[in-house]
N, C-alpha and C. Protein backbone atom coordinates (compact mmCIF):
# COMPACT_ATOMS: atom_id res chain seq x y z
N MET A 1 6.36 13.00 4.58
CA MET A 1 7.52 12.47 4.10
C MET A 1 7.90 13.06 2.85
N SER A 2 9.22 12.99 2.80
CA SER A 2 9.59 13.62 1.52
C SER A 2 10.04 12.59 0.54
N SER A 3 10.22 12.98 -0.72
CA SER A 3 10.27 11.97 -1.95
C SER A 3 11.72 11.20 -1.60
N GLU A 4 12.62 11.68 -0.94
CA GLU A 4 13.93 10.98 -0.65
C GLU A 4 13.62 9.90 0.40
N GLN A 5 12.94 10.38 1.32
CA GLN A 5 12.33 9.27 2.35
C GLN A 5 11.55 8.25 1.76
N ALA A 6 10.65 8.40 0.87
CA ALA A 6 9.90 7.52 0.28
C ALA A 6 10.89 6.59 -0.58
N GLU A 7 11.66 7.17 -1.28
CA GLU A 7 12.57 6.39 -2.11
C GLU A 7 13.32 5.46 -1.23
N ALA A 8 13.92 6.09 -0.16
CA ALA A 8 14.66 5.08 0.98
C ALA A 8 13.79 4.02 1.31
N LEU A 9 12.54 4.13 1.80
CA LEU A 9 11.79 3.27 2.27
C LEU A 9 11.34 2.25 1.31
N ALA A 10 11.55 2.53 0.00
CA ALA A 10 11.08 1.64 -1.11
C ALA A 10 12.11 0.70 -1.19
N ARG A 11 13.32 1.07 -1.18
CA ARG A 11 14.61 0.14 -1.29
C ARG A 11 14.69 -0.90 -0.25
N ARG A 12 14.04 -0.45 0.93
CA ARG A 12 14.34 -1.36 2.13
C ARG A 12 13.16 -2.54 1.94
N MET A 13 13.69 -3.96 2.03
CA MET A 13 12.77 -5.01 2.15
C MET A 13 12.17 -5.05 3.42
N ILE A 14 10.97 -4.60 3.68
CA ILE A 14 10.56 -4.58 5.03
C ILE A 14 9.27 -5.58 5.09
N PHE A 15 8.92 -5.98 4.02
CA PHE A 15 7.78 -7.10 3.95
C PHE A 15 8.28 -8.15 2.87
N ALA A 16 7.75 -9.37 3.21
CA ALA A 16 8.03 -10.50 2.16
C ALA A 16 7.56 -9.97 0.80
N THR A 17 8.47 -10.34 -0.11
CA THR A 17 7.99 -10.02 -1.57
C THR A 17 6.60 -10.62 -2.16
N THR A 18 6.45 -11.66 -1.39
CA THR A 18 5.05 -12.48 -1.73
C THR A 18 3.84 -12.09 -1.12
N SER A 19 3.92 -11.12 -0.04
CA SER A 19 2.77 -10.58 0.56
C SER A 19 2.32 -9.48 -0.14
N LYS A 20 1.01 -9.24 0.02
CA LYS A 20 0.10 -8.22 -0.63
C LYS A 20 -0.10 -7.15 0.31
N ARG A 21 0.00 -5.90 0.21
CA ARG A 21 -0.49 -4.79 1.23
C ARG A 21 -1.25 -3.91 0.53
N ALA A 22 -2.27 -3.48 1.20
CA ALA A 22 -3.14 -2.38 0.71
C ALA A 22 -3.07 -1.36 1.82
N PHE A 23 -3.05 -0.06 1.30
CA PHE A 23 -2.82 1.12 2.11
C PHE A 23 -4.30 2.01 1.77
N VAL A 24 -4.85 2.43 2.82
CA VAL A 24 -6.05 3.13 2.57
C VAL A 24 -5.82 4.74 3.00
N ALA A 25 -5.78 5.61 1.91
CA ALA A 25 -5.57 6.95 2.02
C ALA A 25 -6.55 7.68 2.49
N VAL A 26 -6.38 8.61 3.48
CA VAL A 26 -7.64 9.48 3.92
C VAL A 26 -7.70 10.85 3.29
N SER A 27 -6.84 11.32 2.40
CA SER A 27 -6.52 12.64 1.87
C SER A 27 -5.75 12.33 0.49
N PRO A 28 -5.90 13.32 -0.49
CA PRO A 28 -5.29 13.30 -1.73
C PRO A 28 -3.57 13.33 -1.44
N ALA A 29 -3.20 14.22 -0.34
CA ALA A 29 -1.84 14.18 -0.26
C ALA A 29 -1.27 12.94 0.21
N ILE A 30 -1.98 12.24 1.30
CA ILE A 30 -1.31 10.84 1.62
C ILE A 30 -1.51 9.76 0.55
N PHE A 31 -2.47 10.00 -0.11
CA PHE A 31 -2.50 9.01 -1.48
C PHE A 31 -1.58 9.10 -2.38
N GLY A 32 -0.98 10.50 -2.52
CA GLY A 32 0.00 10.82 -3.53
C GLY A 32 1.26 10.35 -3.07
N VAL A 33 1.73 10.41 -1.69
CA VAL A 33 2.84 9.96 -1.21
C VAL A 33 2.92 8.40 -1.13
N ALA A 34 1.56 7.73 -0.73
CA ALA A 34 1.73 6.34 -0.79
C ALA A 34 1.95 5.84 -2.12
N ARG A 35 1.12 6.49 -3.21
CA ARG A 35 1.29 6.00 -4.58
C ARG A 35 2.76 5.99 -4.99
N MET A 36 3.46 7.39 -4.67
CA MET A 36 4.87 7.34 -5.11
C MET A 36 5.60 6.09 -4.35
N TRP A 37 5.44 5.75 -3.24
CA TRP A 37 6.01 4.63 -2.43
C TRP A 37 5.77 3.11 -3.27
N GLU A 38 4.57 3.20 -3.49
CA GLU A 38 3.94 1.97 -4.46
C GLU A 38 4.86 1.88 -5.76
N ILE A 39 4.94 2.91 -6.40
CA ILE A 39 5.88 3.06 -7.72
C ILE A 39 7.40 2.66 -7.43
N LEU A 40 7.95 3.46 -6.40
CA LEU A 40 9.34 3.15 -6.18
C LEU A 40 9.53 1.62 -5.59
N THR A 41 8.56 1.28 -4.92
CA THR A 41 8.86 -0.16 -4.65
C THR A 41 8.64 -1.08 -5.84
N GLU A 42 7.91 -0.89 -6.73
CA GLU A 42 7.88 -1.63 -8.00
C GLU A 42 9.18 -1.68 -8.81
N MET A 43 9.84 -0.37 -8.64
CA MET A 43 11.08 -0.41 -9.42
C MET A 43 12.35 -0.72 -8.80
N SER A 44 12.20 -1.03 -7.35
CA SER A 44 13.37 -1.40 -6.40
C SER A 44 13.82 -2.70 -6.83
N ASP A 45 15.05 -3.30 -6.05
CA ASP A 45 15.38 -4.51 -6.35
C ASP A 45 14.60 -5.59 -5.38
N HIS A 46 13.52 -5.18 -4.73
CA HIS A 46 12.73 -6.26 -3.97
C HIS A 46 11.29 -5.90 -4.32
N PRO A 47 10.69 -5.87 -5.73
CA PRO A 47 9.39 -5.36 -5.87
C PRO A 47 8.56 -6.33 -5.02
N SER A 48 7.25 -5.76 -4.66
CA SER A 48 6.38 -6.43 -4.02
C SER A 48 4.88 -5.87 -4.44
N GLU A 49 3.90 -6.58 -4.19
CA GLU A 49 2.58 -6.15 -4.27
C GLU A 49 2.00 -5.16 -3.38
N ILE A 50 2.20 -3.81 -3.63
CA ILE A 50 1.61 -2.78 -2.95
C ILE A 50 0.54 -1.92 -3.68
N ARG A 51 -0.57 -1.80 -3.01
CA ARG A 51 -1.60 -0.96 -3.81
C ARG A 51 -2.31 0.00 -2.88
N VAL A 52 -2.49 1.16 -3.36
CA VAL A 52 -3.05 2.42 -2.52
C VAL A 52 -4.46 2.54 -2.93
N PHE A 53 -5.38 2.72 -2.04
CA PHE A 53 -6.79 3.03 -2.23
C PHE A 53 -7.39 3.97 -1.47
N TYR A 54 -8.46 4.59 -1.93
CA TYR A 54 -9.13 5.67 -1.16
C TYR A 54 -10.21 5.14 -0.16
N ASP A 55 -10.56 3.86 -0.43
CA ASP A 55 -11.71 3.31 0.38
C ASP A 55 -11.39 1.85 0.86
N LEU A 56 -11.68 1.58 2.05
CA LEU A 56 -11.35 0.43 2.57
C LEU A 56 -12.12 -1.00 1.70
N PRO A 57 -13.56 -0.68 1.22
CA PRO A 57 -14.07 -1.95 0.44
C PRO A 57 -13.16 -2.23 -0.77
N ALA A 58 -12.73 -1.31 -1.58
CA ALA A 58 -11.85 -1.41 -2.42
C ALA A 58 -10.39 -2.26 -2.37
N ALA A 59 -9.94 -1.73 -1.00
CA ALA A 59 -8.60 -2.35 -0.51
C ALA A 59 -9.00 -3.99 -0.16
N LEU A 60 -10.01 -4.14 0.48
CA LEU A 60 -10.30 -5.55 0.96
C LEU A 60 -10.54 -6.42 -0.33
N THR A 61 -11.23 -5.87 -1.37
CA THR A 61 -11.53 -6.85 -2.49
C THR A 61 -10.15 -7.04 -3.18
N TRP A 62 -9.39 -6.05 -3.42
CA TRP A 62 -7.94 -6.35 -3.89
C TRP A 62 -7.17 -7.52 -3.17
N LEU A 63 -7.36 -7.50 -1.84
CA LEU A 63 -6.64 -8.42 -1.05
C LEU A 63 -7.62 -9.83 -0.79
N ASP A 64 -8.60 -9.78 -1.48
CA ASP A 64 -9.57 -11.02 -1.55
C ASP A 64 -10.12 -11.11 -0.13
N LEU A 65 -10.47 -10.11 0.72
CA LEU A 65 -10.91 -10.18 1.90
C LEU A 65 -12.18 -9.65 2.15
N GLU A 66 -12.93 -9.34 1.02
CA GLU A 66 -14.00 -8.67 1.09
C GLU A 66 -15.31 -9.45 1.98
N ASN A 67 -15.16 -10.59 2.10
CA ASN A 67 -16.22 -11.45 2.89
C ASN A 67 -15.81 -11.44 4.20
N LEU A 68 -15.06 -10.63 4.84
CA LEU A 68 -14.60 -10.67 6.33
C LEU A 68 -15.92 -10.15 7.21
N PRO A 69 -16.30 -10.84 8.34
CA PRO A 69 -17.36 -10.29 9.03
C PRO A 69 -17.33 -8.67 9.28
N SER A 70 -18.50 -8.20 9.11
CA SER A 70 -18.59 -6.72 9.28
C SER A 70 -18.22 -6.14 10.71
N LYS A 71 -18.34 -7.10 11.74
CA LYS A 71 -18.08 -6.55 13.09
C LYS A 71 -16.59 -6.29 13.28
N LEU A 72 -15.76 -6.79 12.25
CA LEU A 72 -14.30 -6.40 12.35
C LEU A 72 -14.06 -5.02 12.03
N PHE A 73 -14.98 -4.31 11.50
CA PHE A 73 -14.83 -2.89 10.91
C PHE A 73 -15.85 -2.03 11.55
N PRO A 74 -15.46 -1.20 12.71
CA PRO A 74 -16.59 -0.34 13.36
C PRO A 74 -17.13 0.73 12.37
């Protein structure tokens, strides 16, 4: 994804502004692009709560979902 594509995506309102979304990146490159999207979304006309994480437990904690049954995650 190019920086122009990330900026265009951030300008679109594809989620409700009240919903929280956590993305888990599997590599530094993916983390960087997702972090750019997070920042551009915050600066857009439709800011929303997006955060990027390197690990699932941290993402679930931020979403207040850390107590989900472990059988949901293989």
